[in-house]
């Protein structure tokens, strides 16, 4: 018996669309990360990008549970002296809601070159309009 290993050139990719309206950020991010990675496919191979493309719409309507909306803080540093920046969730969702979803998904994919390649298949949009209508994406169900 031999172990099947998927080759990158043989991967068949689909397009999925997810509506983030009233979805919990973490639960949505895990479903999107699994789809991007291809974990639910029968031909999943850990060292090959076997995942599908995912479009997330209505990113500004995502929610957090409990008091996390008040307490969650995003931190970054510019690597210059005094270059430390902090921004809470409410300010970030007003300024850049796409970044909130991307950061949540990025934390759930591998931290390697493979993870960087996987993240290129994620598209996040603020409203319900997106420019990918010609690929006819399927709806991805995210259960609460």
Protein backbone atom coordinates (compact mmCIF):
# COMPACT_ATOMS: atom_id res chain seq x y z
CA UNK A 1 0.00 0.00 0.00
CA UNK A 2 1.33 3.43 -0.91
CA UNK A 3 0.63 6.85 0.55
CA UNK A 4 -0.95 9.26 -1.91
CA UNK A 5 0.76 12.65 -2.19
CA UNK A 6 -0.98 15.40 -4.17
CA UNK A 7 1.15 17.27 -6.68
CA UNK A 8 0.76 21.07 -6.89
CA UNK A 9 -0.03 21.02 -10.60
CA UNK A 10 -2.89 18.49 -10.12
CA UNK A 11 -4.84 20.55 -7.56
CA UNK A 12 -8.37 21.54 -8.63
CA UNK A 13 -9.43 24.78 -6.94
CA UNK A 14 -12.93 26.11 -6.31
CA UNK A 15 -14.12 29.56 -5.27
CA UNK A 16 -16.26 30.02 -2.16
CA UNK A 17 -18.01 33.09 -0.77
CA UNK A 18 -18.77 33.74 2.90
CA UNK A 19 -21.08 36.41 4.27
CA UNK A 20 -19.62 37.67 7.58
CA UNK A 21 -22.83 39.39 8.71
CA UNK A 22 -23.37 38.62 12.43
CA UNK A 23 -20.74 35.86 12.39
CA UNK A 24 -18.35 35.36 15.30
CA UNK A 25 -14.82 36.31 14.21
CA UNK A 26 -12.97 33.26 15.53
CA UNK A 27 -15.46 30.68 14.27
CA UNK A 28 -15.52 32.28 10.84
CA UNK A 29 -11.72 32.46 10.73
CA UNK A 30 -11.31 28.73 11.52
CA UNK A 31 -13.75 27.72 8.78
CA UNK A 32 -12.06 30.04 6.27
CA UNK A 33 -8.55 28.85 7.27
CA UNK A 34 -9.54 25.19 6.87
CA UNK A 35 -11.00 25.89 3.43
CA UNK A 36 -7.93 27.88 2.34
CA UNK A 37 -5.65 25.07 3.47
CA UNK A 38 -7.80 22.28 2.00
CA UNK A 39 -8.14 20.30 5.25
CA UNK A 40 -11.57 18.87 4.37
CA UNK A 41 -10.51 17.56 0.96
CA UNK A 42 -9.77 13.88 0.45
CA UNK A 43 -6.52 14.73 -1.36
CA UNK A 44 -5.14 16.90 1.51
CA UNK A 45 -1.36 16.86 1.68
CA UNK A 46 0.29 18.80 4.54
CA UNK A 47 3.20 20.17 2.52
CA UNK A 48 1.20 21.17 -0.60
CA UNK A 49 -1.27 24.02 -1.01
CA UNK A 50 -4.41 22.02 -1.85
CA UNK A 51 -6.95 24.61 -0.69
CA UNK A 52 -9.58 26.72 -2.41
CA UNK A 53 -10.13 30.45 -2.86
CA UNK A 54 -12.36 32.21 -0.32
CA UNK A 55 -14.14 35.57 -0.65
CA UNK A 56 -15.39 37.18 2.58
CA UNK A 57 -17.97 39.95 2.21
CA UNK A 58 -19.50 42.32 4.78
CA UNK A 59 -16.36 42.29 6.94
CA UNK A 60 -17.54 45.36 8.86
CA UNK A 61 -20.54 43.43 10.26
CA UNK A 62 -18.50 40.77 12.07
CA UNK A 63 -18.87 40.47 15.83
CA UNK A 64 -17.05 39.23 18.92
CA UNK A 65 -18.56 37.45 21.91
CA UNK A 66 -18.57 38.71 25.47
CA UNK A 67 -16.61 41.86 26.29
CA UNK A 68 -13.89 41.18 23.72
CA UNK A 69 -15.06 44.08 21.56
CA UNK A 70 -13.97 46.43 24.36
CA UNK A 71 -10.84 44.55 25.48
CA UNK A 72 -9.23 43.23 22.28
CA UNK A 73 -6.15 45.24 21.27
CA UNK A 74 -4.09 45.02 18.07
CA UNK A 75 -0.40 45.83 18.54
CA UNK A 76 2.34 46.54 16.02
CA UNK A 77 5.84 48.00 15.98
CA UNK A 78 7.68 49.82 13.21
CA UNK A 79 11.12 48.65 14.49
CA UNK A 80 12.10 52.27 15.10
CA UNK A 81 12.51 53.72 18.60
CA UNK A 82 9.10 54.78 19.87
CA UNK A 83 7.37 52.99 17.01
CA UNK A 84 4.89 51.01 19.13
CA UNK A 85 1.25 51.24 18.01
CA UNK A 86 -1.90 50.00 19.71
CA UNK A 87 -5.46 50.04 18.44
CA UNK A 88 -8.54 48.48 19.98
CA UNK A 89 -11.05 46.36 18.08
CA UNK A 90 -13.74 49.02 17.76
CA UNK A 91 -11.34 51.53 16.21
CA UNK A 92 -9.83 48.90 13.88
CA UNK A 93 -13.22 47.68 12.64
CA UNK A 94 -14.17 51.28 11.82
CA UNK A 95 -10.87 52.09 10.10
CA UNK A 96 -10.01 48.81 8.34
CA UNK A 97 -12.45 45.89 8.80
CA UNK A 98 -10.69 43.81 6.11
CA UNK A 99 -7.52 43.75 8.20
CA UNK A 100 -9.40 42.37 11.24
CA UNK A 101 -10.55 39.32 9.28
CA UNK A 102 -7.19 38.82 7.55
CA UNK A 103 -5.28 38.92 10.84
CA UNK A 104 -7.65 36.39 12.41
CA UNK A 105 -7.25 33.97 9.49
CA UNK A 106 -3.49 34.54 9.27
CA UNK A 107 -3.12 33.42 12.87
CA UNK A 108 -4.68 30.07 11.95
CA UNK A 109 -2.56 29.09 8.95
CA UNK A 110 1.04 27.78 9.10
CA UNK A 111 3.74 30.34 9.83
CA UNK A 112 5.89 29.50 6.80
CA UNK A 113 6.21 30.08 3.06
CA UNK A 114 3.28 27.70 2.62
CA UNK A 115 1.18 29.89 4.92
CA UNK A 116 2.11 32.99 2.94
CA UNK A 117 1.02 31.26 -0.27
CA UNK A 118 -2.23 30.14 1.33
CA UNK A 119 -3.05 33.70 2.41
CA UNK A 120 -2.87 34.93 -1.20
CA UNK A 121 -6.10 33.00 -1.89
CA UNK A 122 -8.11 35.02 0.65
CA UNK A 123 -10.12 38.03 -0.54
CA UNK A 124 -11.90 40.23 2.03
CA UNK A 125 -14.28 43.08 1.17
CA UNK A 126 -16.03 45.69 3.27
CA UNK A 127 -19.44 45.70 1.60
CA UNK A 128 -21.45 43.06 -0.20
CA UNK A 129 -19.94 43.88 -3.61
CA UNK A 130 -16.91 42.01 -4.94
CA UNK A 131 -15.20 41.89 -8.36
CA UNK A 132 -15.14 38.06 -8.60
CA UNK A 133 -18.60 37.43 -10.05
CA UNK A 134 -17.22 35.86 -13.24
CA UNK A 135 -15.83 32.82 -11.33
CA UNK A 136 -19.32 32.04 -9.90
CA UNK A 137 -18.32 31.30 -6.28
CA UNK A 138 -20.26 28.76 -4.25
CA UNK A 139 -21.68 29.69 -0.85
CA UNK A 140 -19.67 28.32 2.07
CA UNK A 141 -21.84 27.52 5.08
CA UNK A 142 -20.50 28.69 8.43
CA UNK A 143 -22.50 27.30 11.35
CA UNK A 144 -22.74 29.27 14.58
